[in-house]
C-alpha cells in the first residue's frame, strides 16, 4: 500500500505496535521447576516441568531464549485453520475473517524467537503472508470506493497493524472530501489557532524485569 514507508502517515511505528502485542498471552511448557514470578503487570507461575501455563509473549521469549521452556503455537497458527481462513478471505471480498488483533505481530515474534516450536513453519508463514496480502488488497479496494458522500467507514475484524496503516488514509480522505464539499468550513489562515500535539506522551517506560 502506498505510503506505508512514510513514518508520518501512521499513528505508531511497526516496532511500537509489536511492543504493544508483547503483552498478549501464549502457552508455554516449562522444562524446569521455578517459583512464581511477581511482576507489576501480574503474577505468573509457579512453573513445573511439562505442565503448560500461559504467560505474556515477552516472558515466553525470555524463558525460551534461556532454554527454560518451549512455546506452544496458538491454535489459529495451524495449517488447517489458516488454510480455511485464506479460502474464506478470498471468497468474501467485502468481509474480513476474525483473527487475533495482533496476529501479524504475534506470528512475526514466534517465527523469529520460537521457530523450532512451530510445526510446518514454512507453510504457516506462507499462509499468513497470503492472508495478509489478501486483506490489504481488500482495504485498498475499499479506499477506492470512498466518495464525498461517505461520512464513516466500518471495517470489522481488522488487526492492529492493519488499523494502524489504514486509519491515517481514511481520516485524510474523509477530511479532504469534507473540505472540498464545504469550502466555507475551511479555516482562514489568520484565524487558525495552533494546537499542541497531544498524541506524543513521551517514551513509554518499560517496567519489565531485566
N, C-alpha and C. Protein backbone atom coordinates (compact mmCIF):
# COMPACT_ATOMS: atom_id res chain seq x y z
N UNK A 1 0.84 -1.18 0.00
CA UNK A 1 0.00 0.00 0.00
C UNK A 1 0.88 1.24 0.00
N UNK A 2 0.58 2.20 -0.85
CA UNK A 2 1.43 3.38 -0.96
C UNK A 2 1.45 4.14 0.34
N UNK A 3 2.63 4.58 0.70
CA UNK A 3 2.77 5.41 1.89
C UNK A 3 3.09 4.65 3.15
N UNK A 4 3.18 3.33 3.07
CA UNK A 4 3.45 2.56 4.29
C UNK A 4 4.81 2.89 4.87
N UNK A 5 5.76 3.29 4.01
CA UNK A 5 7.11 3.56 4.49
C UNK A 5 7.26 4.95 5.05
N UNK A 6 6.22 5.79 4.90
CA UNK A 6 6.29 7.16 5.40
C UNK A 6 5.92 7.17 6.88
N UNK A 7 6.84 7.50 7.79
CA UNK A 7 6.54 7.43 9.21
C UNK A 7 5.50 8.44 9.65
N UNK A 8 5.23 9.47 8.82
CA UNK A 8 4.28 10.50 9.21
C UNK A 8 2.83 10.08 8.93
N UNK A 9 2.63 8.95 8.25
CA UNK A 9 1.29 8.52 7.89
C UNK A 9 0.71 7.52 8.87
N UNK A 10 1.46 7.06 9.85
CA UNK A 10 0.97 6.08 10.80
C UNK A 10 0.97 6.64 12.21
N UNK A 11 0.02 6.20 13.00
CA UNK A 11 -0.04 6.63 14.40
C UNK A 11 1.14 6.05 15.17
N UNK A 12 1.41 4.78 14.97
CA UNK A 12 2.52 4.10 15.61
C UNK A 12 3.44 3.51 14.55
N UNK A 13 4.69 3.33 14.90
CA UNK A 13 5.60 2.62 14.01
C UNK A 13 5.33 1.12 14.16
N UNK A 14 5.73 0.29 13.19
CA UNK A 14 5.55 -1.15 13.33
C UNK A 14 6.20 -1.70 14.60
N UNK A 15 7.36 -1.14 14.99
CA UNK A 15 8.03 -1.60 16.20
C UNK A 15 7.19 -1.29 17.44
N UNK A 16 6.50 -0.15 17.45
CA UNK A 16 5.67 0.21 18.59
C UNK A 16 4.43 -0.69 18.67
N UNK A 17 3.85 -1.01 17.53
CA UNK A 17 2.70 -1.92 17.52
C UNK A 17 3.14 -3.30 18.02
N UNK A 18 4.33 -3.73 17.60
CA UNK A 18 4.85 -5.02 18.06
C UNK A 18 5.09 -5.00 19.57
N UNK A 19 5.57 -3.88 20.09
CA UNK A 19 5.80 -3.75 21.53
C UNK A 19 4.49 -3.93 22.30
N UNK A 20 3.40 -3.34 21.79
CA UNK A 20 2.10 -3.48 22.45
C UNK A 20 1.61 -4.92 22.39
N UNK A 21 1.95 -5.62 21.32
CA UNK A 21 1.50 -7.00 21.17
C UNK A 21 2.19 -7.95 22.13
N UNK A 22 3.32 -7.56 22.67
CA UNK A 22 4.08 -8.46 23.53
C UNK A 22 3.38 -8.78 24.85
N UNK A 23 2.31 -8.06 25.17
CA UNK A 23 1.55 -8.36 26.38
C UNK A 23 0.51 -9.46 26.15
N UNK A 24 0.34 -9.89 24.91
CA UNK A 24 -0.60 -10.98 24.63
C UNK A 24 -0.09 -12.28 25.26
N UNK A 25 -1.02 -13.11 25.71
CA UNK A 25 -0.64 -14.36 26.38
C UNK A 25 -0.43 -15.49 25.38
N UNK A 26 0.58 -16.29 25.65
CA UNK A 26 0.82 -17.51 24.87
C UNK A 26 1.06 -18.65 25.86
N UNK A 27 0.93 -19.86 25.37
CA UNK A 27 1.11 -21.04 26.22
C UNK A 27 2.53 -21.57 26.09
N UNK A 28 3.15 -21.84 27.21
CA UNK A 28 4.50 -22.40 27.21
C UNK A 28 4.49 -23.71 28.00
N UNK A 29 5.52 -24.54 27.75
CA UNK A 29 5.72 -25.78 28.50
C UNK A 29 7.10 -25.69 29.14
N UNK A 30 7.18 -25.37 30.43
CA UNK A 30 8.49 -25.26 31.09
C UNK A 30 9.20 -26.61 31.15
N UNK A 31 10.51 -26.57 31.20
CA UNK A 31 11.28 -27.80 31.42
C UNK A 31 12.05 -27.72 32.74
N UNK A 32 11.68 -26.75 33.57
CA UNK A 32 12.31 -26.57 34.88
C UNK A 32 11.23 -26.30 35.92
N UNK A 33 11.62 -26.40 37.17
CA UNK A 33 10.73 -26.00 38.26
C UNK A 33 11.18 -24.63 38.73
N UNK A 34 10.22 -23.70 38.85
CA UNK A 34 10.57 -22.34 39.24
C UNK A 34 9.40 -21.71 39.97
N UNK A 35 9.72 -20.92 41.01
CA UNK A 35 8.69 -20.23 41.77
C UNK A 35 7.98 -19.19 40.90
N UNK A 36 6.85 -18.74 41.39
CA UNK A 36 6.07 -17.74 40.65
C UNK A 36 6.88 -16.45 40.49
N UNK A 37 6.67 -15.79 39.38
CA UNK A 37 7.30 -14.50 39.11
C UNK A 37 6.29 -13.41 39.38
N UNK A 38 6.63 -12.51 40.30
CA UNK A 38 5.73 -11.41 40.67
C UNK A 38 6.13 -10.16 39.91
N UNK A 39 5.31 -9.82 38.91
CA UNK A 39 5.58 -8.66 38.07
C UNK A 39 4.60 -7.54 38.37
N UNK A 40 4.92 -6.35 37.92
CA UNK A 40 4.00 -5.23 38.07
C UNK A 40 2.70 -5.51 37.32
N UNK A 41 2.81 -6.18 36.17
CA UNK A 41 1.63 -6.45 35.35
C UNK A 41 0.86 -7.68 35.81
N UNK A 42 1.36 -8.41 36.82
CA UNK A 42 0.67 -9.58 37.32
C UNK A 42 1.63 -10.67 37.76
N UNK A 43 1.11 -11.74 38.32
CA UNK A 43 1.90 -12.87 38.77
C UNK A 43 1.79 -14.02 37.77
N UNK A 44 2.92 -14.66 37.50
CA UNK A 44 2.95 -15.76 36.54
C UNK A 44 3.71 -16.93 37.15
N UNK A 45 3.14 -18.11 37.02
CA UNK A 45 3.72 -19.27 37.65
C UNK A 45 2.96 -19.62 38.92
N UNK A 46 3.50 -20.55 39.73
CA UNK A 46 4.79 -21.23 39.61
C UNK A 46 4.85 -22.14 38.38
N UNK A 47 6.09 -22.51 38.02
CA UNK A 47 6.33 -23.29 36.82
C UNK A 47 6.80 -24.69 37.19
N UNK A 48 6.23 -25.69 36.52
CA UNK A 48 6.60 -27.07 36.76
C UNK A 48 6.93 -27.75 35.43
N UNK A 49 7.90 -28.64 35.43
CA UNK A 49 8.29 -29.29 34.17
C UNK A 49 7.11 -30.00 33.50
N UNK A 50 6.97 -29.75 32.18
CA UNK A 50 6.00 -30.41 31.32
C UNK A 50 4.54 -30.09 31.66
N UNK A 51 4.33 -29.07 32.47
CA UNK A 51 2.97 -28.62 32.77
C UNK A 51 2.79 -27.24 32.14
N UNK A 52 1.90 -27.15 31.17
CA UNK A 52 1.75 -25.91 30.40
C UNK A 52 1.12 -24.80 31.25
N UNK A 53 1.44 -23.58 30.89
CA UNK A 53 0.89 -22.41 31.55
C UNK A 53 0.94 -21.25 30.57
N UNK A 54 0.18 -20.21 30.84
CA UNK A 54 0.14 -19.05 29.96
C UNK A 54 0.90 -17.88 30.57
N UNK A 55 1.68 -17.22 29.72
CA UNK A 55 2.46 -16.06 30.13
C UNK A 55 2.45 -15.05 28.98
N UNK A 56 2.78 -13.78 29.25
CA UNK A 56 2.91 -12.81 28.15
C UNK A 56 4.00 -13.26 27.19
N UNK A 57 3.86 -12.89 25.95
CA UNK A 57 4.82 -13.37 24.96
C UNK A 57 6.23 -12.85 25.23
N UNK A 58 6.36 -11.66 25.87
CA UNK A 58 7.71 -11.16 26.17
C UNK A 58 8.39 -12.07 27.18
N UNK A 59 7.61 -12.62 28.14
CA UNK A 59 8.18 -13.53 29.13
C UNK A 59 8.47 -14.89 28.49
N UNK A 60 7.59 -15.33 27.60
CA UNK A 60 7.82 -16.59 26.90
C UNK A 60 9.11 -16.53 26.09
N UNK A 61 9.33 -15.40 25.42
CA UNK A 61 10.55 -15.23 24.62
C UNK A 61 11.79 -15.23 25.51
N UNK A 62 11.69 -14.57 26.67
CA UNK A 62 12.83 -14.52 27.59
C UNK A 62 13.17 -15.90 28.13
N UNK A 63 12.16 -16.69 28.50
CA UNK A 63 12.40 -18.05 29.00
C UNK A 63 12.89 -18.97 27.89
N UNK A 64 12.33 -18.80 26.70
CA UNK A 64 12.75 -19.61 25.56
C UNK A 64 14.22 -19.34 25.23
N UNK A 65 14.62 -18.09 25.27
CA UNK A 65 16.00 -17.72 24.97
C UNK A 65 16.98 -18.36 25.92
N UNK A 66 16.54 -18.59 27.17
CA UNK A 66 17.41 -19.20 28.18
C UNK A 66 17.24 -20.72 28.24
N UNK A 67 16.51 -21.27 27.30
CA UNK A 67 16.33 -22.72 27.24
C UNK A 67 15.49 -23.29 28.35
N UNK A 68 14.57 -22.49 28.91
CA UNK A 68 13.78 -22.96 30.05
C UNK A 68 12.36 -23.36 29.68
N UNK A 69 12.01 -23.28 28.42
CA UNK A 69 10.66 -23.66 28.03
C UNK A 69 10.59 -23.85 26.52
N UNK A 70 9.50 -24.45 26.08
CA UNK A 70 9.13 -24.45 24.67
C UNK A 70 7.81 -23.70 24.57
N UNK A 71 7.51 -23.20 23.38
CA UNK A 71 6.31 -22.40 23.16
C UNK A 71 5.32 -23.20 22.34
N UNK A 72 4.07 -23.22 22.78
CA UNK A 72 3.01 -23.87 22.02
C UNK A 72 2.35 -22.83 21.11
N UNK A 73 2.44 -23.01 19.81
CA UNK A 73 1.80 -22.04 18.91
C UNK A 73 0.29 -21.98 19.16
N UNK A 74 -0.32 -20.82 19.02
CA UNK A 74 -1.77 -20.72 19.18
C UNK A 74 -2.50 -21.61 18.19
N UNK A 75 -3.72 -21.99 18.52
CA UNK A 75 -4.49 -22.89 17.66
C UNK A 75 -4.71 -22.31 16.27
N UNK A 76 -4.84 -20.99 16.18
CA UNK A 76 -5.10 -20.38 14.87
C UNK A 76 -3.88 -20.45 13.94
N UNK A 77 -2.70 -20.81 14.46
CA UNK A 77 -1.50 -20.89 13.64
C UNK A 77 -1.28 -22.28 13.04
N UNK A 78 -2.30 -23.09 12.99
CA UNK A 78 -2.17 -24.40 12.35
C UNK A 78 -2.42 -24.25 10.85
N UNK A 79 -1.86 -25.17 10.06
CA UNK A 79 -2.04 -25.13 8.61
C UNK A 79 -3.52 -25.27 8.25
N UNK A 80 -4.22 -26.15 8.93
CA UNK A 80 -5.64 -26.37 8.65
C UNK A 80 -6.45 -25.11 8.89
N UNK A 81 -6.24 -24.48 10.03
CA UNK A 81 -7.00 -23.27 10.37
C UNK A 81 -6.67 -22.12 9.42
N UNK A 82 -5.40 -21.92 9.12
CA UNK A 82 -5.00 -20.81 8.25
C UNK A 82 -5.48 -21.04 6.81
N UNK A 83 -5.48 -22.28 6.37
CA UNK A 83 -5.99 -22.57 5.03
C UNK A 83 -7.47 -22.21 4.92
N UNK A 84 -8.22 -22.55 5.96
CA UNK A 84 -9.65 -22.21 6.00
C UNK A 84 -9.84 -20.69 5.98
N UNK A 85 -9.04 -19.97 6.76
CA UNK A 85 -9.15 -18.51 6.82
C UNK A 85 -8.83 -17.90 5.45
N UNK A 86 -7.78 -18.39 4.80
CA UNK A 86 -7.38 -17.85 3.49
C UNK A 86 -8.48 -18.08 2.46
N UNK A 87 -9.06 -19.27 2.44
CA UNK A 87 -10.14 -19.54 1.49
C UNK A 87 -11.34 -18.63 1.76
N UNK A 88 -11.67 -18.43 3.03
CA UNK A 88 -12.80 -17.57 3.38
C UNK A 88 -12.52 -16.11 3.01
N UNK A 89 -11.29 -15.66 3.18
CA UNK A 89 -10.92 -14.29 2.81
C UNK A 89 -11.09 -14.08 1.31
N UNK A 90 -10.68 -15.05 0.53
CA UNK A 90 -10.78 -14.93 -0.93
C UNK A 90 -12.22 -15.01 -1.41
N UNK A 91 -13.05 -15.77 -0.72
CA UNK A 91 -14.44 -15.94 -1.13
C UNK A 91 -15.33 -14.78 -0.68
N UNK A 92 -14.86 -13.97 0.26
CA UNK A 92 -15.67 -12.85 0.79
C UNK A 92 -14.93 -11.54 0.55
N UNK A 93 -15.11 -10.92 -0.63
CA UNK A 93 -14.35 -9.72 -0.97
C UNK A 93 -14.66 -8.51 -0.10
N UNK A 94 -15.76 -8.53 0.63
CA UNK A 94 -16.15 -7.38 1.44
C UNK A 94 -16.06 -7.65 2.94
N UNK A 95 -15.65 -8.84 3.31
CA UNK A 95 -15.61 -9.19 4.73
C UNK A 95 -14.21 -9.65 5.13
N UNK A 96 -13.87 -9.38 6.39
CA UNK A 96 -12.59 -9.81 6.95
C UNK A 96 -12.86 -10.90 7.98
N UNK A 97 -12.11 -11.97 7.86
CA UNK A 97 -12.29 -13.08 8.80
C UNK A 97 -11.72 -12.72 10.17
N UNK A 98 -12.36 -13.21 11.24
CA UNK A 98 -11.85 -12.92 12.59
C UNK A 98 -10.51 -13.59 12.85
N UNK A 99 -9.55 -12.80 13.23
CA UNK A 99 -8.22 -13.27 13.60
C UNK A 99 -7.80 -12.51 14.85
N UNK A 100 -6.82 -13.00 15.60
CA UNK A 100 -6.34 -12.24 16.76
C UNK A 100 -5.96 -10.81 16.36
N UNK A 101 -6.24 -9.86 17.22
CA UNK A 101 -5.99 -8.44 16.92
C UNK A 101 -4.52 -8.19 16.57
N UNK A 102 -3.62 -8.98 17.14
CA UNK A 102 -2.19 -8.81 16.88
C UNK A 102 -1.62 -10.02 16.10
N UNK A 103 -2.39 -10.57 15.18
CA UNK A 103 -1.93 -11.80 14.51
C UNK A 103 -0.65 -11.58 13.72
N UNK A 104 -0.47 -10.42 13.13
CA UNK A 104 0.74 -10.15 12.35
C UNK A 104 1.96 -10.08 13.25
N UNK A 105 1.85 -9.33 14.35
CA UNK A 105 2.98 -9.16 15.25
C UNK A 105 3.31 -10.45 16.00
N UNK A 106 2.26 -11.18 16.44
CA UNK A 106 2.48 -12.43 17.17
C UNK A 106 3.18 -13.46 16.30
N UNK A 107 2.71 -13.61 15.07
CA UNK A 107 3.35 -14.58 14.18
C UNK A 107 4.80 -14.19 13.89
N UNK A 108 5.05 -12.91 13.72
CA UNK A 108 6.42 -12.45 13.46
C UNK A 108 7.34 -12.78 14.63
N UNK A 109 6.86 -12.52 15.85
CA UNK A 109 7.67 -12.80 17.03
C UNK A 109 7.94 -14.29 17.19
N UNK A 110 6.93 -15.11 16.96
CA UNK A 110 7.11 -16.55 17.10
C UNK A 110 8.00 -17.11 16.00
N UNK A 111 7.90 -16.58 14.79
CA UNK A 111 8.79 -17.02 13.71
C UNK A 111 10.24 -16.71 14.04
N UNK A 112 10.46 -15.58 14.68
CA UNK A 112 11.83 -15.15 14.97
C UNK A 112 12.40 -15.81 16.22
N UNK A 113 11.57 -15.97 17.25
CA UNK A 113 12.07 -16.38 18.57
C UNK A 113 11.77 -17.83 18.93
N UNK A 114 10.81 -18.45 18.26
CA UNK A 114 10.43 -19.83 18.62
C UNK A 114 10.14 -20.64 17.38
N UNK A 115 10.94 -20.46 16.34
CA UNK A 115 10.68 -21.11 15.06
C UNK A 115 10.73 -22.63 15.15
N UNK A 116 11.56 -23.15 16.07
CA UNK A 116 11.68 -24.60 16.19
C UNK A 116 10.48 -25.24 16.90
N UNK A 117 9.58 -24.42 17.45
CA UNK A 117 8.40 -24.94 18.13
C UNK A 117 7.15 -24.91 17.23
N UNK A 118 7.28 -24.44 16.00
CA UNK A 118 6.12 -24.29 15.11
C UNK A 118 6.13 -25.39 14.06
N UNK A 119 5.17 -26.31 14.11
CA UNK A 119 5.09 -27.36 13.08
C UNK A 119 4.79 -26.76 11.71
N UNK A 120 5.40 -27.30 10.68
CA UNK A 120 5.16 -26.84 9.30
C UNK A 120 5.34 -25.34 9.17
N UNK A 121 6.43 -24.83 9.73
CA UNK A 121 6.62 -23.39 9.83
C UNK A 121 6.62 -22.70 8.47
N UNK A 122 7.19 -23.33 7.45
CA UNK A 122 7.25 -22.68 6.14
C UNK A 122 5.86 -22.53 5.53
N UNK A 123 5.03 -23.55 5.69
CA UNK A 123 3.66 -23.46 5.19
C UNK A 123 2.86 -22.45 6.00
N UNK A 124 3.05 -22.44 7.32
CA UNK A 124 2.35 -21.49 8.17
C UNK A 124 2.73 -20.06 7.80
N UNK A 125 4.03 -19.83 7.61
CA UNK A 125 4.49 -18.49 7.25
C UNK A 125 3.90 -18.05 5.89
N UNK A 126 3.89 -18.98 4.94
CA UNK A 126 3.36 -18.66 3.61
C UNK A 126 1.88 -18.33 3.67
N UNK A 127 1.13 -19.10 4.45
CA UNK A 127 -0.31 -18.87 4.56
C UNK A 127 -0.60 -17.52 5.21
N UNK A 128 0.13 -17.17 6.26
CA UNK A 128 -0.08 -15.89 6.93
C UNK A 128 0.25 -14.73 6.00
N UNK A 129 1.31 -14.86 5.22
CA UNK A 129 1.65 -13.81 4.25
C UNK A 129 0.57 -13.67 3.19
N UNK A 130 0.01 -14.79 2.73
CA UNK A 130 -1.07 -14.73 1.75
C UNK A 130 -2.31 -14.08 2.34
N UNK A 131 -2.64 -14.45 3.57
CA UNK A 131 -3.80 -13.85 4.24
C UNK A 131 -3.61 -12.34 4.39
N UNK A 132 -2.44 -11.94 4.79
CA UNK A 132 -2.16 -10.52 4.96
C UNK A 132 -2.29 -9.77 3.64
N UNK A 133 -1.78 -10.35 2.56
CA UNK A 133 -1.85 -9.70 1.25
C UNK A 133 -3.29 -9.57 0.77
N UNK A 134 -4.09 -10.62 0.96
CA UNK A 134 -5.49 -10.58 0.54
C UNK A 134 -6.24 -9.51 1.33
N UNK A 135 -5.99 -9.42 2.62
CA UNK A 135 -6.69 -8.44 3.46
C UNK A 135 -6.28 -7.02 3.10
N UNK A 136 -5.00 -6.79 2.83
CA UNK A 136 -4.56 -5.45 2.45
C UNK A 136 -5.16 -5.06 1.09
N UNK A 137 -5.30 -6.03 0.20
CA UNK A 137 -5.93 -5.74 -1.09
C UNK A 137 -7.39 -5.32 -0.89
N UNK A 138 -8.08 -5.99 0.02
CA UNK A 138 -9.46 -5.60 0.32
C UNK A 138 -9.53 -4.17 0.84
N UNK A 139 -8.58 -3.82 1.70
CA UNK A 139 -8.55 -2.47 2.25
C UNK A 139 -8.35 -1.45 1.13
N UNK A 140 -7.42 -1.72 0.22
CA UNK A 140 -7.17 -0.82 -0.89
C UNK A 140 -8.41 -0.65 -1.77
N UNK A 141 -9.10 -1.74 -2.02
CA UNK A 141 -10.32 -1.67 -2.82
C UNK A 141 -11.39 -0.85 -2.10
N UNK A 142 -11.45 -0.99 -0.78
CA UNK A 142 -12.41 -0.21 -0.01
C UNK A 142 -12.09 1.26 -0.03
N UNK A 143 -10.81 1.62 0.03
CA UNK A 143 -10.42 3.03 -0.01
C UNK A 143 -10.79 3.67 -1.34
N UNK A 144 -10.70 2.90 -2.41
CA UNK A 144 -11.01 3.44 -3.73
C UNK A 144 -12.49 3.77 -3.88
N UNK A 145 -13.34 3.20 -3.01
CA UNK A 145 -14.78 3.43 -3.12
C UNK A 145 -15.26 4.58 -2.24
N UNK A 146 -14.34 5.22 -1.51
CA UNK A 146 -14.73 6.35 -0.68
C UNK A 146 -15.12 7.51 -1.57
N UNK A 147 -16.25 8.13 -1.30
CA UNK A 147 -16.73 9.27 -2.08
C UNK A 147 -17.03 10.44 -1.17
N UNK A 148 -17.43 11.52 -1.78
CA UNK A 148 -17.74 12.72 -1.00
C UNK A 148 -18.93 12.56 -0.09
N UNK A 149 -19.75 11.55 -0.34
CA UNK A 149 -20.93 11.32 0.50
C UNK A 149 -20.63 10.39 1.66
N UNK A 150 -19.41 9.92 1.74
CA UNK A 150 -19.03 8.99 2.81
C UNK A 150 -18.79 9.76 4.11
N UNK A 151 -19.51 9.40 5.15
CA UNK A 151 -19.35 10.07 6.45
C UNK A 151 -18.59 9.19 7.44
N UNK A 152 -18.60 7.89 7.22
CA UNK A 152 -17.89 6.96 8.09
C UNK A 152 -17.61 5.68 7.32
N UNK A 153 -16.59 4.97 7.77
CA UNK A 153 -16.22 3.72 7.14
C UNK A 153 -16.11 2.66 8.23
N UNK A 154 -16.82 1.55 8.05
CA UNK A 154 -16.80 0.48 9.04
C UNK A 154 -16.08 -0.73 8.46
N UNK A 155 -14.97 -1.10 9.08
CA UNK A 155 -14.20 -2.27 8.65
C UNK A 155 -14.07 -3.19 9.86
N UNK A 156 -14.83 -4.25 9.87
CA UNK A 156 -14.87 -5.16 11.01
C UNK A 156 -13.77 -6.19 10.92
N UNK A 157 -13.19 -6.54 12.07
CA UNK A 157 -12.18 -7.59 12.20
C UNK A 157 -10.81 -7.22 11.68
N UNK A 158 -10.51 -5.93 11.53
CA UNK A 158 -9.16 -5.54 11.16
C UNK A 158 -8.22 -5.77 12.34
N UNK A 159 -6.96 -6.05 12.04
CA UNK A 159 -5.96 -6.26 13.08
C UNK A 159 -5.32 -4.94 13.47
N UNK A 160 -4.49 -4.96 14.50
CA UNK A 160 -3.83 -3.74 14.98
C UNK A 160 -2.97 -3.11 13.90
N UNK A 161 -2.14 -3.92 13.23
CA UNK A 161 -1.26 -3.38 12.20
C UNK A 161 -2.05 -2.84 11.02
N UNK A 162 -3.12 -3.51 10.66
CA UNK A 162 -3.96 -3.06 9.55
C UNK A 162 -4.65 -1.74 9.90
N UNK A 163 -5.16 -1.63 11.11
CA UNK A 163 -5.80 -0.39 11.54
C UNK A 163 -4.78 0.75 11.55
N UNK A 164 -3.60 0.46 12.03
CA UNK A 164 -2.55 1.49 12.12
C UNK A 164 -2.18 2.05 10.75
N UNK A 165 -2.21 1.20 9.74
CA UNK A 165 -1.86 1.63 8.38
C UNK A 165 -3.04 2.34 7.71
N UNK A 166 -4.25 1.83 7.94
CA UNK A 166 -5.42 2.34 7.23
C UNK A 166 -5.93 3.65 7.81
N UNK A 167 -5.91 3.80 9.12
CA UNK A 167 -6.58 4.93 9.76
C UNK A 167 -6.14 6.29 9.23
N UNK A 168 -4.83 6.58 9.07
CA UNK A 168 -4.45 7.90 8.55
C UNK A 168 -4.99 8.18 7.15
N UNK A 169 -5.03 7.16 6.28
CA UNK A 169 -5.57 7.34 4.94
C UNK A 169 -7.06 7.65 5.00
N UNK A 170 -7.78 6.92 5.84
CA UNK A 170 -9.22 7.12 5.98
C UNK A 170 -9.51 8.54 6.45
N UNK A 171 -8.82 8.96 7.49
CA UNK A 171 -9.06 10.27 8.07
C UNK A 171 -8.77 11.37 7.07
N UNK A 172 -7.65 11.28 6.38
CA UNK A 172 -7.28 12.31 5.41
C UNK A 172 -8.25 12.36 4.23
N UNK A 173 -8.67 11.19 3.77
CA UNK A 173 -9.61 11.15 2.65
C UNK A 173 -10.93 11.79 3.02
N UNK A 174 -11.48 11.43 4.18
CA UNK A 174 -12.75 11.99 4.62
C UNK A 174 -12.63 13.49 4.87
N UNK A 175 -11.51 13.93 5.44
CA UNK A 175 -11.32 15.36 5.67
C UNK A 175 -11.24 16.12 4.35
N UNK A 176 -10.56 15.53 3.36
CA UNK A 176 -10.44 16.19 2.06
C UNK A 176 -11.80 16.34 1.40
N UNK A 177 -12.62 15.27 1.42
CA UNK A 177 -13.95 15.35 0.84
C UNK A 177 -14.80 16.38 1.57
N UNK A 178 -14.67 16.43 2.87
CA UNK A 178 -15.47 17.36 3.67
C UNK A 178 -15.10 18.81 3.34
N UNK A 179 -13.81 19.08 3.24
CA UNK A 179 -13.36 20.45 2.96
C UNK A 179 -13.75 20.89 1.55
N UNK A 180 -13.60 19.99 0.58
CA UNK A 180 -13.96 20.36 -0.79
C UNK A 180 -15.47 20.54 -0.95
N UNK A 181 -16.21 19.78 -0.14
CA UNK A 181 -17.66 19.89 -0.23
C UNK A 181 -18.21 21.06 0.54
N UNK A 182 -17.45 21.56 1.54
CA UNK A 182 -17.90 22.69 2.37
C UNK A 182 -16.78 23.71 2.48
N UNK A 183 -16.50 24.48 1.42
CA UNK A 183 -15.37 25.41 1.45
C UNK A 183 -15.50 26.48 2.52
N UNK A 184 -16.76 26.78 2.90
CA UNK A 184 -16.91 27.82 3.92
C UNK A 184 -16.43 27.36 5.28
N UNK A 185 -16.26 26.03 5.43
CA UNK A 185 -15.81 25.50 6.71
C UNK A 185 -14.31 25.44 6.83
N UNK A 186 -13.57 25.77 5.75
CA UNK A 186 -12.12 25.73 5.80
C UNK A 186 -11.63 26.93 6.59
N UNK A 187 -10.89 26.76 7.67
CA UNK A 187 -10.44 27.88 8.48
C UNK A 187 -9.49 28.78 7.71
N UNK A 188 -9.69 30.11 7.85
CA UNK A 188 -8.80 31.07 7.21
C UNK A 188 -7.46 31.09 7.93
N UNK A 189 -6.35 31.39 7.21
CA UNK A 189 -5.02 31.36 7.83
C UNK A 189 -4.91 32.25 9.05
N UNK A 190 -5.54 33.46 8.98
CA UNK A 190 -5.39 34.38 10.10
C UNK A 190 -6.20 33.96 11.32
N UNK A 191 -7.16 33.03 11.11
CA UNK A 191 -7.99 32.60 12.22
C UNK A 191 -7.59 31.24 12.76
N UNK A 192 -6.62 30.62 12.11
CA UNK A 192 -6.20 29.29 12.53
C UNK A 192 -5.41 29.38 13.83
N UNK A 193 -5.81 28.60 14.81
CA UNK A 193 -5.14 28.58 16.11
C UNK A 193 -4.32 27.31 16.21
N UNK A 194 -3.06 27.45 16.49
CA UNK A 194 -2.20 26.27 16.61
C UNK A 194 -2.52 25.54 17.90
N UNK A 195 -2.52 24.23 17.81
CA UNK A 195 -2.82 23.41 18.99
C UNK A 195 -1.64 22.52 19.30
N UNK A 196 -1.42 22.29 20.57
CA UNK A 196 -0.31 21.43 20.99
C UNK A 196 -0.60 19.98 20.65
N UNK A 197 0.37 19.32 20.08
CA UNK A 197 0.21 17.90 19.76
C UNK A 197 0.11 17.10 21.05
N UNK A 198 -0.98 16.35 21.22
CA UNK A 198 -1.20 15.63 22.48
C UNK A 198 -0.97 14.14 22.32
N UNK A 199 -0.70 13.70 21.09
CA UNK A 199 -0.53 12.26 20.91
C UNK A 199 0.77 11.76 21.48
N UNK A 200 1.80 12.63 21.48
CA UNK A 200 3.10 12.20 21.95
C UNK A 200 3.17 12.42 23.45
N UNK A 201 3.07 11.36 24.20
CA UNK A 201 3.10 11.45 25.67
C UNK A 201 4.46 11.10 26.23
N UNK A 202 5.45 11.14 25.38
CA UNK A 202 6.79 10.80 25.84
C UNK A 202 7.04 9.33 25.73
N UNK A 203 8.26 8.91 25.94
CA UNK A 203 8.61 7.48 25.79
C UNK A 203 7.90 6.62 26.82
N UNK A 204 7.47 5.46 26.40
CA UNK A 204 6.82 4.55 27.32
C UNK A 204 7.88 3.82 28.12
N UNK A 205 7.72 3.86 29.42
CA UNK A 205 8.71 3.21 30.28
C UNK A 205 8.49 1.71 30.30
N UNK A 206 9.55 0.98 30.06
CA UNK A 206 9.48 -0.49 30.07
C UNK A 206 9.72 -0.97 31.51
N UNK A 207 8.67 -1.48 32.14
CA UNK A 207 8.77 -1.88 33.55
C UNK A 207 9.06 -3.35 33.71
N UNK A 208 9.37 -4.03 32.61
CA UNK A 208 9.64 -5.46 32.70
C UNK A 208 10.99 -5.71 33.36
N UNK A 209 11.11 -6.83 34.03
CA UNK A 209 12.37 -7.14 34.69
C UNK A 209 13.48 -7.36 33.68
N UNK A 210 14.60 -6.88 33.98
CA UNK A 210 15.79 -7.06 33.12
C UNK A 210 16.45 -8.41 33.40
